[in-house]
PDB file of N, CA and C in Angstrom:
ATOM      1  N   MET A   1      -2.867-128.803  32.181  1.00  0.00           N
ATOM      2  CA  MET A   1      -1.432-128.834  32.326  1.00  0.00           C
ATOM      3  C   MET A   1      -0.744-128.290  31.070  1.00  0.00           C
ATOM      4  N   LEU A   2      -1.297-128.632  29.923  1.00  0.00           N
ATOM      5  CA  LEU A   2      -0.721-128.146  28.676  1.00  0.00           C
ATOM      6  C   LEU A   2      -0.793-126.622  28.612  1.00  0.00           C
ATOM      7  N   GLU A   3      -1.871-126.061  29.171  1.00  0.00           N
ATOM      8  CA  GLU A   3      -2.023-124.608  29.197  1.00  0.00           C
ATOM      9  C   GLU A   3      -0.892-123.959  30.001  1.00  0.00           C
ATOM     10  N   LYS A   4      -0.538-124.548  31.129  1.00  0.00           N
ATOM     11  CA  LYS A   4       0.538-123.991  31.951  1.00  0.00           C
ATOM     12  C   LYS A   4       1.889-124.138  31.273  1.00  0.00           C
ATOM     13  N   LEU A   5       2.087-125.215  30.569  1.00  0.00           N
ATOM     14  CA  LEU A   5       3.335-125.406  29.843  1.00  0.00           C
ATOM     15  C   LEU A   5       3.459-124.392  28.706  1.00  0.00           C
ATOM     16  N   ILE A   6       2.360-124.120  28.037  1.00  0.00           N
ATOM     17  CA  ILE A   6       2.361-123.100  26.982  1.00  0.00           C
ATOM     18  C   ILE A   6       2.630-121.722  27.574  1.00  0.00           C
ATOM     19  N   LYS A   7       2.030-121.429  28.739  1.00  0.00           N
ATOM     20  CA  LYS A   7       2.301-120.157  29.415  1.00  0.00           C
ATOM     21  C   LYS A   7       3.769-120.036  29.795  1.00  0.00           C
ATOM     22  N   LEU A   8       4.370-121.136  30.231  1.00  0.00           N
ATOM     23  CA  LEU A   8       5.776-121.120  30.601  1.00  0.00           C
ATOM     24  C   LEU A   8       6.662-120.812  29.397  1.00  0.00           C
ATOM     25  N   VAL A   9       6.408-121.482  28.290  1.00  0.00           N
ATOM     26  CA  VAL A   9       7.222-121.282  27.093  1.00  0.00           C
ATOM     27  C   VAL A   9       7.007-119.881  26.514  1.00  0.00           C
ATOM     28  N   LEU A  10       5.752-119.451  26.426  1.00  0.00           N
ATOM     29  CA  LEU A  10       5.475-118.109  25.887  1.00  0.00           C
ATOM     30  C   LEU A  10       6.010-117.012  26.814  1.00  0.00           C
ATOM     31  N   GLY A  11       5.927-117.219  28.120  1.00  0.00           N
ATOM     32  CA  GLY A  11       6.476-116.251  29.066  1.00  0.00           C
ATOM     33  C   GLY A  11       7.983-116.128  28.931  1.00  0.00           C
ATOM     34  N   TYR A  12       8.647-117.269  28.759  1.00  0.00           N
ATOM     35  CA  TYR A  12      10.096-117.238  28.564  1.00  0.00           C
ATOM     36  C   TYR A  12      10.439-116.548  27.239  1.00  0.00           C
ATOM     37  N   LEU A  13       9.717-116.892  26.183  1.00  0.00           N
ATOM     38  CA  LEU A  13       9.978-116.305  24.873  1.00  0.00           C
ATOM     39  C   LEU A  13       9.750-114.794  24.892  1.00  0.00           C
ATOM     40  N   CYS A  14       8.659-114.345  25.517  1.00  0.00           N
ATOM     41  CA  CYS A  14       8.408-112.898  25.608  1.00  0.00           C
ATOM     42  C   CYS A  14       9.473-112.210  26.448  1.00  0.00           C
ATOM     43  N   GLY A  15       9.906-112.841  27.524  1.00  0.00           N
ATOM     44  CA  GLY A  15      10.979-112.267  28.332  1.00  0.00           C
ATOM     45  C   GLY A  15      12.282-112.166  27.555  1.00  0.00           C
ATOM     46  N   PHE A  16      12.588-113.188  26.785  1.00  0.00           N
ATOM     47  CA  PHE A  16      13.807-113.168  25.983  1.00  0.00           C
ATOM     48  C   PHE A  16      13.736-112.078  24.912  1.00  0.00           C
ATOM     49  N   LEU A  17      12.593-111.958  24.252  1.00  0.00           N
ATOM     50  CA  LEU A  17      12.442-110.927  23.227  1.00  0.00           C
ATOM     51  C   LEU A  17      12.455-109.532  23.837  1.00  0.00           C
ATOM     52  N   PHE A  18      11.916-109.385  25.050  1.00  0.00           N
ATOM     53  CA  PHE A  18      12.001-108.110  25.751  1.00  0.00           C
ATOM     54  C   PHE A  18      13.461-107.739  26.018  1.00  0.00           C
ATOM     55  N   ILE A  19      14.245-108.700  26.448  1.00  0.00           N
ATOM     56  CA  ILE A  19      15.669-108.455  26.717  1.00  0.00           C
ATOM     57  C   ILE A  19      16.388-108.042  25.440  1.00  0.00           C
ATOM     58  N   LYS A  20      16.060-108.681  24.344  1.00  0.00           N
ATOM     59  CA  LYS A  20      16.722-108.352  23.076  1.00  0.00           C
ATOM     60  C   LYS A  20      16.279-107.003  22.516  1.00  0.00           C
ATOM     61  N   CYS A  21      15.050-106.565  22.848  1.00  0.00           N
ATOM     62  CA  CYS A  21      14.553-105.277  22.341  1.00  0.00           C
ATOM     63  C   CYS A  21      15.031-104.087  23.159  1.00  0.00           C
ATOM     64  N   VAL A  22      15.415-104.322  24.413  1.00  0.00           N
ATOM     65  CA  VAL A  22      15.847-103.226  25.280  1.00  0.00           C
ATOM     66  C   VAL A  22      17.367-103.168  25.268  1.00  0.00           C
ATOM     67  N   PRO A  23      17.926-102.107  24.696  1.00  0.00           N
ATOM     68  CA  PRO A  23      19.389-101.997  24.681  1.00  0.00           C
ATOM     69  C   PRO A  23      19.919-101.655  26.062  1.00  0.00           C
ATOM     70  N   PHE A  24      21.024-102.258  26.411  1.00  0.00           N
ATOM     71  CA  PHE A  24      21.643-101.979  27.704  1.00  0.00           C
ATOM     72  C   PHE A  24      23.139-101.878  27.503  1.00  0.00           C
ATOM     73  N   SER A  25      23.668-100.711  27.817  1.00  0.00           N
ATOM     74  CA  SER A  25      25.097-100.504  27.678  1.00  0.00           C
ATOM     75  C   SER A  25      25.714-100.410  29.066  1.00  0.00           C
ATOM     76  N   ASN A  26      26.958-100.792  29.133  1.00  0.00           N
ATOM     77  CA  ASN A  26      27.673-100.730  30.402  1.00  0.00           C
ATOM     78  C   ASN A  26      28.778 -99.710  30.286  1.00  0.00           C
ATOM     79  N   PRO A  27      28.850 -98.649  31.002  1.00  0.00           N
ATOM     80  CA  PRO A  27      27.985 -98.199  32.083  1.00  0.00           C
ATOM     81  C   PRO A  27      26.653 -97.689  31.550  1.00  0.00           C
ATOM     82  N   PHE A  28      25.632 -97.854  32.378  1.00  0.00           N
ATOM     83  CA  PHE A  28      24.270 -97.506  31.982  1.00  0.00           C
ATOM     84  C   PHE A  28      24.025 -96.010  32.162  1.00  0.00           C
ATOM     85  N   HIS A  29      23.457 -95.405  31.134  1.00  0.00           N
ATOM     86  CA  HIS A  29      23.015 -94.018  31.190  1.00  0.00           C
ATOM     87  C   HIS A  29      21.565 -93.988  30.721  1.00  0.00           C
ATOM     88  N   PRO A  30      20.664 -93.483  31.560  1.00  0.00           N
ATOM     89  CA  PRO A  30      19.246 -93.443  31.148  1.00  0.00           C
ATOM     90  C   PRO A  30      19.013 -92.646  29.872  1.00  0.00           C
ATOM     91  N   SER A  31      19.846 -91.647  29.639  1.00  0.00           N
ATOM     92  CA  SER A  31      19.658 -90.847  28.424  1.00  0.00           C
ATOM     93  C   SER A  31      19.913 -91.683  27.174  1.00  0.00           C
ATOM     94  N   ASP A  32      20.858 -92.618  27.234  1.00  0.00           N
ATOM     95  CA  ASP A  32      21.109 -93.497  26.088  1.00  0.00           C
ATOM     96  C   ASP A  32      19.880 -94.347  25.777  1.00  0.00           C
ATOM     97  N   LEU A  33      19.233 -94.843  26.813  1.00  0.00           N
ATOM     98  CA  LEU A  33      18.043 -95.665  26.623  1.00  0.00           C
ATOM     99  C   LEU A  33      16.903 -94.838  26.029  1.00  0.00           C
ATOM    100  N   ILE A  34      16.721 -93.640  26.532  1.00  0.00           N
ATOM    101  CA  ILE A  34      15.650 -92.773  26.021  1.00  0.00           C
ATOM    102  C   ILE A  34      15.892 -92.402  24.564  1.00  0.00           C
ATOM    103  N   VAL A  35      17.128 -92.053  24.232  1.00  0.00           N
ATOM    104  CA  VAL A  35      17.457 -91.700  22.845  1.00  0.00           C
ATOM    105  C   VAL A  35      17.255 -92.900  21.925  1.00  0.00           C
ATOM    106  N   GLU A  36      17.646 -94.084  22.383  1.00  0.00           N
ATOM    107  CA  GLU A  36      17.461 -95.292  21.569  1.00  0.00           C
ATOM    108  C   GLU A  36      15.982 -95.541  21.299  1.00  0.00           C
ATOM    109  N   PHE A  37      15.153 -95.362  22.301  1.00  0.00           N
ATOM    110  CA  PHE A  37      13.726 -95.576  22.102  1.00  0.00           C
ATOM    111  C   PHE A  37      13.088 -94.476  21.264  1.00  0.00           C
ATOM    112  N   LEU A  38      13.625 -93.263  21.335  1.00  0.00           N
ATOM    113  CA  LEU A  38      13.091 -92.185  20.487  1.00  0.00           C
ATOM    114  C   LEU A  38      13.431 -92.418  19.017  1.00  0.00           C
ATOM    115  N   PHE A  39      14.626 -92.910  18.746  1.00  0.00           N
ATOM    116  CA  PHE A  39      15.025 -93.164  17.363  1.00  0.00           C
ATOM    117  C   PHE A  39      14.503 -94.497  16.835  1.00  0.00           C
ATOM    118  N   ASN A  40      14.069 -95.373  17.736  1.00  0.00           N
ATOM    119  CA  ASN A  40      13.555 -96.678  17.333  1.00  0.00           C
ATOM    120  C   ASN A  40      12.232 -96.936  18.067  1.00  0.00           C
ATOM    121  N   PRO A  41      11.152 -96.247  17.660  1.00  0.00           N
ATOM    122  CA  PRO A  41       9.887 -96.424  18.377  1.00  0.00           C
ATOM    123  C   PRO A  41       9.284 -97.816  18.206  1.00  0.00           C
ATOM    124  N   LEU A  42       9.569 -98.479  17.095  1.00  0.00           N
ATOM    125  CA  LEU A  42       9.064 -99.835  16.911  1.00  0.00           C
ATOM    126  C   LEU A  42       9.698-100.794  17.919  1.00  0.00           C
ATOM    127  N   GLY A  43      10.973-100.582  18.207  1.00  0.00           N
ATOM    128  CA  GLY A  43      11.642-101.395  19.227  1.00  0.00           C
ATOM    129  C   GLY A  43      11.041-101.162  20.604  1.00  0.00           C
ATOM    130  N   PHE A  44      10.709 -99.914  20.904  1.00  0.00           N
ATOM    131  CA  PHE A  44      10.076 -99.585  22.180  1.00  0.00           C
ATOM    132  C   PHE A  44       8.705-100.239  22.274  1.00  0.00           C
ATOM    133  N   PHE A  45       7.929-100.149  21.188  1.00  0.00           N
ATOM    134  CA  PHE A  45       6.598-100.759  21.183  1.00  0.00           C
ATOM    135  C   PHE A  45       6.702-102.281  21.346  1.00  0.00           C
ATOM    136  N   GLY A  46       7.625-102.892  20.612  1.00  0.00           N
ATOM    137  CA  GLY A  46       7.819-104.336  20.722  1.00  0.00           C
ATOM    138  C   GLY A  46       8.246-104.747  22.124  1.00  0.00           C
ATOM    139  N   ALA A  47       9.179-104.002  22.702  1.00  0.00           N
ATOM    140  CA  ALA A  47       9.640-104.315  24.054  1.00  0.00           C
ATOM    141  C   ALA A  47       8.491-104.181  25.050  1.00  0.00           C
ATOM    142  N   SER A  48       7.645-103.173  24.872  1.00  0.00           N
ATOM    143  CA  SER A  48       6.511-102.969  25.781  1.00  0.00           C
ATOM    144  C   SER A  48       5.512-104.115  25.675  1.00  0.00           C
ATOM    145  N   VAL A  49       5.209-104.515  24.463  1.00  0.00           N
ATOM    146  CA  VAL A  49       4.253-105.611  24.258  1.00  0.00           C
ATOM    147  C   VAL A  49       4.812-106.909  24.827  1.00  0.00           C
ATOM    148  N   PHE A  50       6.068-107.221  24.532  1.00  0.00           N
ATOM    149  CA  PHE A  50       6.678-108.447  25.047  1.00  0.00           C
ATOM    150  C   PHE A  50       6.741-108.428  26.573  1.00  0.00           C
ATOM    151  N   PHE A  51       7.045-107.258  27.135  1.00  0.00           N
ATOM    152  CA  PHE A  51       7.139-107.143  28.584  1.00  0.00           C
ATOM    153  C   PHE A  51       5.783-107.402  29.239  1.00  0.00           C
ATOM    154  N   ILE A  52       4.739-106.764  28.734  1.00  0.00           N
ATOM    155  CA  ILE A  52       3.415-106.904  29.341  1.00  0.00           C
ATOM    156  C   ILE A  52       2.902-108.330  29.225  1.00  0.00           C
ATOM    157  N   ILE A  53       2.986-108.904  28.037  1.00  0.00           N
ATOM    158  CA  ILE A  53       2.500-110.277  27.851  1.00  0.00           C
ATOM    159  C   ILE A  53       3.316-111.243  28.693  1.00  0.00           C
ATOM    160  N   GLY A  54       4.631-111.087  28.674  1.00  0.00           N
ATOM    161  CA  GLY A  54       5.502-112.006  29.412  1.00  0.00           C
ATOM    162  C   GLY A  54       5.304-111.947  30.907  1.00  0.00           C
ATOM    163  N   PHE A  55       5.238-110.738  31.464  1.00  0.00           N
ATOM    164  CA  PHE A  55       5.120-110.697  32.915  1.00  0.00           C
ATOM    165  C   PHE A  55       3.734-111.109  33.382  1.00  0.00           C
ATOM    166  N   LEU A  56       2.695-110.925  32.554  1.00  0.00           N
ATOM    167  CA  LEU A  56       1.371-111.420  32.940  1.00  0.00           C
ATOM    168  C   LEU A  56       1.329-112.948  32.933  1.00  0.00           C
ATOM    169  N   LEU A  57       1.961-113.562  31.944  1.00  0.00           N
ATOM    170  CA  LEU A  57       2.002-115.024  31.901  1.00  0.00           C
ATOM    171  C   LEU A  57       2.794-115.590  33.071  1.00  0.00           C
ATOM    172  N   LYS A  58       3.947-114.999  33.342  1.00  0.00           N
ATOM    173  CA  LYS A  58       4.770-115.470  34.462  1.00  0.00           C
ATOM    174  C   LYS A  58       4.082-115.216  35.796  1.00  0.00           C
ATOM    175  N   ALA A  59       3.370-114.091  35.919  1.00  0.00           N
ATOM    176  CA  ALA A  59       2.673-113.780  37.166  1.00  0.00           C
ATOM    177  C   ALA A  59       1.584-114.808  37.450  1.00  0.00           C
ATOM    178  N   ASP A  60       0.894-115.262  36.405  1.00  0.00           N
ATOM    179  CA  ASP A  60      -0.128-116.290  36.597  1.00  0.00           C
ATOM    180  C   ASP A  60       0.505-117.582  37.087  1.00  0.00           C
ATOM    181  N   LEU A  61       1.636-117.963  36.530  1.00  0.00           N
ATOM    182  CA  LEU A  61       2.323-119.174  36.983  1.00  0.00           C
ATOM    183  C   LEU A  61       2.825-119.025  38.416  1.00  0.00           C
ATOM    184  N   ILE A  62       3.294-117.840  38.770  1.00  0.00           N
ATOM    185  CA  ILE A  62       3.766-117.597  40.138  1.00  0.00           C
ATOM    186  C   ILE A  62       2.590-117.642  41.108  1.00  0.00           C
ATOM    187  N   SER A  63       1.453-117.098  40.712  1.00  0.00           N
ATOM    188  CA  SER A  63       0.256-117.149  41.546  1.00  0.00           C
ATOM    189  C   SER A  63      -0.184-118.592  41.778  1.00  0.00           C
ATOM    190  N   ASN A  64      -0.163-119.404  40.737  1.00  0.00           N
ATOM    191  CA  ASN A  64      -0.504-120.825  40.878  1.00  0.00           C
ATOM    192  C   ASN A  64       0.488-121.541  41.791  1.00  0.00           C
ATOM    193  N   ALA A  65       1.764-121.192  41.678  1.00  0.00           N
ATOM    194  CA  ALA A  65       2.779-121.813  42.534  1.00  0.00           C
ATOM    195  C   ALA A  65       2.556-121.428  43.994  1.00  0.00           C
ATOM    196  N   ALA A  66       2.171-120.187  44.240  1.00  0.00           N
ATOM    197  CA  ALA A  66       1.904-119.756  45.613  1.00  0.00           C
ATOM    198  C   ALA A  66       0.697-120.492  46.183  1.00  0.00           C
ATOM    199  N   GLU A  67      -0.320-120.701  45.374  1.00  0.00           N
ATOM    200  CA  GLU A  67      -1.482-121.454  45.827  1.00  0.00           C
ATOM    201  C   GLU A  67      -1.099-122.885  46.175  1.00  0.00           C
ATOM    202  N   LEU A  68      -0.208-123.472  45.400  1.00  0.00           N
ATOM    203  CA  LEU A  68       0.244-124.830  45.703  1.00  0.00           C
ATOM    204  C   LEU A  68       1.052-124.871  46.996  1.00  0.00           C
ATOM    205  N   MET A  69       1.917-123.881  47.198  1.00  0.00           N
ATOM    206  CA  MET A  69       2.766-123.878  48.391  1.00  0.00           C
ATOM    207  C   MET A  69       1.947-123.639  49.656  1.00  0.00           C
ATOM    208  N   ILE A  70       0.945-122.789  49.585  1.00  0.00           N
ATOM    209  CA  ILE A  70       0.120-122.514  50.757  1.00  0.00           C
ATOM    210  C   ILE A  70      -0.790-123.697  51.055  1.00  0.00           C
ATOM    211  N   GLY A  71      -1.075-124.471  50.043  1.00  0.00           N
ATOM    212  CA  GLY A  71      -1.895-125.652  50.237  1.00  0.00           C
ATOM    213  C   GLY A  71      -3.365-125.413  50.017  1.00  0.00           C
ATOM    214  N   TYR A  72      -3.685-124.413  49.220  1.00  0.00           N
ATOM    215  CA  TYR A  72      -5.078-124.090  48.954  1.00  0.00           C
ATOM    216  C   TYR A  72      -5.771-125.193  48.154  1.00  0.00           C
ATOM    217  N   ARG A  73      -5.061-125.786  47.244  1.00  0.00           N
ATOM    218  CA  ARG A  73      -5.695-126.797  46.406  1.00  0.00           C
ATOM    219  C   ARG A  73      -4.743-127.958  46.177  1.00  0.00           C
ATOM    220  N   LYS A  74      -5.313-129.071  45.841  1.00  0.00           N
ATOM    221  CA  LYS A  74      -4.530-130.268  45.539  1.00  0.00           C
ATOM    222  C   LYS A  74      -4.112-130.215  44.076  1.00  0.00           C
ATOM    223  N   ALA A  75      -2.989-130.833  43.797  1.00  0.00           N
ATOM    224  CA  ALA A  75      -2.487-130.804  42.420  1.00  0.00           C
ATOM    225  C   ALA A  75      -1.793-132.114  42.102  1.00  0.00           C
ATOM    226  N   SER A  76      -1.636-132.355  40.821  1.00  0.00           N
ATOM    227  CA  SER A  76      -0.950-133.558  40.380  1.00  0.00           C
ATOM    228  C   SER A  76       0.564-133.359  40.459  1.00  0.00           C
ATOM    229  N   PHE A  77       1.277-134.410  40.223  1.00  0.00           N
ATOM    230  CA  PHE A  77       2.741-134.356  40.274  1.00  0.00           C
ATOM    231  C   PHE A  77       3.289-133.396  39.224  1.00  0.00           C
ATOM    232  N   ILE A  78       2.667-133.381  38.063  1.00  0.00           N
ATOM    233  CA  ILE A  78       3.143-132.533  36.974  1.00  0.00           C
ATOM    234  C   ILE A  78       2.998-131.056  37.344  1.00  0.00           C
ATOM    235  N   GLU A  79       1.910-130.706  38.053  1.00  0.00           N
ATOM    236  CA  GLU A  79       1.747-129.315  38.476  1.00  0.00           C
ATOM    237  C   GLU A  79       2.761-128.922  39.540  1.00  0.00           C
ATOM    238  N   HIS A  80       3.271-129.891  40.277  1.00  0.00           N
ATOM    239  CA  HIS A  80       4.278-129.596  41.289  1.00  0.00           C
ATOM    240  C   HIS A  80       5.657-129.342  40.684  1.00  0.00           C
ATOM    241  N   ILE A  81       5.874-129.740  39.432  1.00  0.00           N
ATOM    242  CA  ILE A  81       7.174-129.437  38.808  1.00  0.00           C
ATOM    243  C   ILE A  81       7.174-128.089  38.103  1.00  0.00           C
ATOM    244  N   MET A  82       6.028-127.448  37.994  1.00  0.00           N
ATOM    245  CA  MET A  82       5.976-126.138  37.324  1.00  0.00           C
ATOM    246  C   MET A  82       6.740-125.038  38.062  1.00  0.00           C
ATOM    247  N   PRO A  83       6.622-124.891  39.393  1.00  0.00           N
ATOM    248  CA  PRO A  83       7.386-123.818  40.062  1.00  0.00           C
ATOM    249  C   PRO A  83       8.903-123.894  39.841  1.00  0.00           C
ATOM    250  N   PRO A  84       9.521-125.085  39.926  1.00  0.00           N
ATOM    251  CA  PRO A  84      10.960-125.115  39.607  1.00  0.00           C
ATOM    252  C   PRO A  84      11.257-124.770  38.146  1.00  0.00           C
ATOM    253  N   LEU A  85      10.371-125.155  37.240  1.00  0.00           N
ATOM    254  CA  LEU A  85      10.574-124.809  35.835  1.00  0.00           C
ATOM    255  C   LEU A  85      10.472-123.304  35.615  1.00  0.00           C
ATOM    256  N   VAL A  86       9.571-122.649  36.344  1.00  0.00           N
ATOM    257  CA  VAL A  86       9.458-121.187  36.253  1.00  0.00           C
ATOM    258  C   VAL A  86      10.760-120.545  36.731  1.00  0.00           C
ATOM    259  N   MET A  87      11.297-121.037  37.834  1.00  0.00           N
ATOM    260  CA  MET A  87      12.543-120.470  38.360  1.00  0.00           C
ATOM    261  C   MET A  87      13.712-120.735  37.406  1.00  0.00           C
ATOM    262  N   ILE A  88      13.739-121.904  36.793  1.00  0.00           N
ATOM    263  CA  ILE A  88      14.796-122.202  35.811  1.00  0.00           C
ATOM    264  C   ILE A  88      14.694-121.255  34.621  1.00  0.00           C
ATOM    265  N   SER A  89      13.463-120.958  34.198  1.00  0.00           N
ATOM    266  CA  SER A  89      13.315-120.032  33.068  1.00  0.00           C
ATOM    267  C   SER A  89      13.802-118.632  33.442  1.00  0.00           C
ATOM    268  N   PHE A  90      13.592-118.210  34.691  1.00  0.00           N
ATOM    269  CA  PHE A  90      14.122-116.917  35.122  1.00  0.00           C
ATOM    270  C   PHE A  90      15.650-116.934  35.176  1.00  0.00           C
ATOM    271  N   VAL A  91      16.233-118.048  35.601  1.00  0.00           N
ATOM    272  CA  VAL A  91      17.693-118.147  35.629  1.00  0.00           C
ATOM    273  C   VAL A  91      18.253-118.049  34.215  1.00  0.00           C
ATOM    274  N   LEU A  92      17.604-118.701  33.268  1.00  0.00           N
ATOM    275  CA  LEU A  92      18.053-118.614  31.875  1.00  0.00           C
ATOM    276  C   LEU A  92      17.915-117.188  31.338  1.00  0.00           C
ATOM    277  N   LEU A  93      16.866-116.495  31.756  1.00  0.00           N
ATOM    278  CA  LEU A  93      16.721-115.103  31.343  1.00  0.00           C
ATOM    279  C   LEU A  93      17.788-114.219  31.992  1.00  0.00           C
ATOM    280  N   PHE A  94      18.160-114.527  33.236  1.00  0.00           N
ATOM    281  CA  PHE A  94      19.222-113.761  33.896  1.00  0.00           C
ATOM    282  C   PHE A  94      20.539-113.894  33.140  1.00  0.00           C
ATOM    283  N   LEU A  95      20.773-115.030  32.547  1.00  0.00           N
ATOM    284  CA  LEU A  95      21.992-115.219  31.766  1.00  0.00           C
ATOM    285  C   LEU A  95      21.985-114.370  30.497  1.00  0.00           C
ATOM    286  N   SER A  96      20.808-114.049  29.987  1.00  0.00           N
ATOM    287  CA  SER A  96      20.702-113.244  28.772  1.00  0.00           C
ATOM    288  C   SER A  96      20.844-111.756  29.046  1.00  0.00           C
ATOM    289  N   GLY A  97      20.233-111.289  30.123  1.00  0.00           N
ATOM    290  CA  GLY A  97      20.292-109.870  30.467  1.00  0.00           C
ATOM    291  C   GLY A  97      19.900-109.682  31.916  1.00  0.00           C
ATOM    292  N   PHE A  98      20.857-109.295  32.735  1.00  0.00           N
ATOM    293  CA  PHE A  98      20.613-109.245  34.183  1.00  0.00           C
ATOM    294  C   PHE A  98      19.606-108.176  34.563  1.00  0.00           C
ATOM    295  N   TRP A  99      19.813-106.932  34.138  1.00  0.00           N
ATOM    296  CA  TRP A  99      18.953-105.846  34.590  1.00  0.00           C
ATOM    297  C   TRP A  99      17.554-105.924  34.003  1.00  0.00           C
ATOM    298  N   GLN A 100      17.457-106.311  32.749  1.00  0.00           N
ATOM    299  CA  GLN A 100      16.140-106.448  32.141  1.00  0.00           C
ATOM    300  C   GLN A 100      15.345-107.559  32.844  1.00  0.00           C
ATOM    301  N   THR A 101      16.021-108.660  33.166  1.00  0.00           N
ATOM    302  CA  THR A 101      15.349-109.764  33.845  1.00  0.00           C
ATOM    303  C   THR A 101      14.987-109.391  35.269  1.00  0.00           C
ATOM    304  N   THR A 102      15.802-108.569  35.913  1.00  0.00           N
ATOM    305  CA  THR A 102      15.476-108.125  37.263  1.00  0.00           C
ATOM    306  C   THR A 102      14.164-107.352  37.265  1.00  0.00           C
ATOM    307  N   VAL A 103      13.990-106.446  36.319  1.00  0.00           N
ATOM    308  CA  VAL A 103      12.740-105.696  36.213  1.00  0.00           C
ATOM    309  C   VAL A 103      11.581-106.637  35.886  1.00  0.00           C
ATOM    310  N   PHE A 104      11.797-107.533  34.944  1.00  0.00           N
ATOM    311  CA  PHE A 104      10.796-108.514  34.530  1.00  0.00           C
ATOM    312  C   PHE A 104      10.384-109.391  35.712  1.00  0.00           C
ATOM    313  N   PHE A 105      11.358-109.851  36.483  1.00  0.00           N
ATOM    314  CA  PHE A 105      11.115-110.726  37.630  1.00  0.00           C
ATOM    315  C   PHE A 105      10.340-109.986  38.719  1.00  0.00           C
ATOM    316  N   CYS A 106      10.748-108.756  39.022  1.00  0.00           N
ATOM    317  CA  CYS A 106      10.069-107.981  40.079  1.00  0.00           C
ATOM    318  C   CYS A 106       8.612-107.725  39.728  1.00  0.00           C
ATOM    319  N   PHE A 107       8.341-107.327  38.494  1.00  0.00           N
ATOM    320  CA  PHE A 107       6.964-107.104  38.086  1.00  0.00           C
ATOM    321  C   PHE A 107       6.155-108.397  38.150  1.00  0.00           C
ATOM    322  N   SER A 108       6.742-109.504  37.740  1.00  0.00           N
ATOM    323  CA  SER A 108       6.035-110.783  37.765  1.00  0.00           C
ATOM    324  C   SER A 108       5.707-111.205  39.189  1.00  0.00           C
ATOM    325  N   ILE A 109       6.661-111.079  40.094  1.00  0.00           N
ATOM    326  CA  ILE A 109       6.435-111.453  41.485  1.00  0.00           C
ATOM    327  C   ILE A 109       5.354-110.565  42.111  1.00  0.00           C
ATOM    328  N   LEU A 110       5.481-109.261  41.927  1.00  0.00           N
ATOM    329  CA  LEU A 110       4.502-108.345  42.528  1.00  0.00           C
ATOM    330  C   LEU A 110       3.092-108.599  42.001  1.00  0.00           C
ATOM    331  N   TYR A 111       2.956-108.731  40.698  1.00  0.00           N
ATOM    332  CA  TYR A 111       1.625-108.943  40.141  1.00  0.00           C
ATOM    333  C   TYR A 111       1.092-110.323  40.511  1.00  0.00           C
ATOM    334  N   GLY A 112       1.963-111.312  40.583  1.00  0.00           N
ATOM    335  CA  GLY A 112       1.540-112.650  40.999  1.00  0.00           C
ATOM    336  C   GLY A 112       1.021-112.668  42.419  1.00  0.00           C
ATOM    337  N   ILE A 113       1.664-111.928  43.314  1.00  0.00           N
ATOM    338  CA  ILE A 113       1.214-111.864  44.699  1.00  0.00           C
ATOM    339  C   ILE A 113      -0.069-111.039  44.808  1.00  0.00           C
ATOM    340  N   ILE A 114      -0.142-109.948  44.071  1.00  0.00           N
ATOM    341  CA  ILE A 114      -1.339-109.113  44.109  1.00  0.00           C
ATOM    342  C   ILE A 114      -2.556-109.876  43.588  1.00  0.00           C
ATOM    343  N   SER A 115      -2.355-110.744  42.621  1.00  0.00           N
ATOM    344  CA  SER A 115      -3.488-111.447  42.016  1.00  0.00           C
ATOM    345  C   SER A 115      -3.977-112.628  42.849  1.00  0.00           C
ATOM    346  N   LEU A 116      -3.307-112.944  43.954  1.00  0.00           N
ATOM    347  CA  LEU A 116      -3.796-114.011  44.827  1.00  0.00           C
ATOM    348  C   LEU A 116      -5.092-113.569  45.495  1.00  0.00           C
ATOM    349  N   ASP A 117      -6.010-114.493  45.617  1.00  0.00           N
ATOM    350  CA  ASP A 117      -7.267-114.217  46.306  1.00  0.00           C
ATOM    351  C   ASP A 117      -7.158-114.782  47.716  1.00  0.00           C
ATOM    352  N   PHE A 118      -6.878-113.911  48.679  1.00  0.00           N
ATOM    353  CA  PHE A 118      -6.646-114.361  50.037  1.00  0.00           C
ATOM    354  C   PHE A 118      -7.925-114.797  50.747  1.00  0.00           C
ATOM    355  N   GLN A 119      -9.070-114.497  50.189  1.00  0.00           N
ATOM    356  CA  GLN A 119     -10.324-114.963  50.774  1.00  0.00           C
ATOM    357  C   GLN A 119     -10.469-116.478  50.644  1.00  0.00           C
ATOM    358  N   LYS A 120      -9.809-117.066  49.666  1.00  0.00           N
ATOM    359  CA  LYS A 120      -9.870-118.511  49.476  1.00  0.00           C
ATOM    360  C   LYS A 120      -9.105-119.266  50.545  1.00  0.00           C
ATOM    361  N   PHE A 121      -8.112-118.606  51.122  1.00  0.00           N
ATOM    362  CA  PHE A 121      -7.274-119.276  52.095  1.00  0.00           C
ATOM    363  C   PHE A 121      -7.934-119.264  53.463  1.00  0.00           C
ATOM    364  N   LYS A 122      -7.560-120.204  54.286  1.00  0.00           N
ATOM    365  CA  LYS A 122      -8.138-120.313  55.625  1.00  0.00           C
ATOM    366  C   LYS A 122      -7.556-119.278  56.591  1.00  0.00           C
ATOM    367  N   MET A 123      -6.547-118.504  56.141  1.00  0.00           N
ATOM    368  CA  MET A 123      -5.898-117.536  57.011  1.00  0.00           C
ATOM    369  C   MET A 123      -6.791-116.340  57.284  1.00  0.00           C
ATOM    370  N   VAL A 124      -7.662-115.985  56.364  1.00  0.00           N
ATOM    371  CA  VAL A 124      -8.485-114.795  56.473  1.00  0.00           C
ATOM    372  C   VAL A 124      -9.847-115.211  56.999  1.00  0.00           C
ATOM    373  N   LYS A 125     -10.265-114.602  58.098  1.00  0.00           N
ATOM    374  CA  LYS A 125     -11.567-114.922  58.692  1.00  0.00           C
ATOM    375  C   LYS A 125     -12.592-113.916  58.196  1.00  0.00           C
ATOM    376  N   ASP A 126     -13.812-114.396  57.982  1.00  0.00           N
ATOM    377  CA  ASP A 126     -14.895-113.504  57.530  1.00  0.00           C
ATOM    378  C   ASP A 126     -15.408-112.649  58.658  1.00  0.00           C
TER     379      ASP A 126
END
């Protein structure tokens, strides 16, 4: 359980740092983003690292939540509060940066679903 809590906190922290490293101006112009990353390659590298680590951590938590919802495995009460905490962390990230969090959220959901092993579930017949 402590491992999942650490993943939740580190995933939120990486998502927040990703939002802070990616400049977003309103109205958005892709050329502004490209120029910013060309003049600040360390910021681009940092944003990439934070994005990859964060969405992998969140995807693992989303995959575990999907396993709990489908009923593949039994879990304790504490593990049942993790999915709402994951969603709360995404809401807090949305308050920091909407578009960056949208990309972060989509990648996390897609990778979390892809990483599910459907052979474990009773839905798939051999």
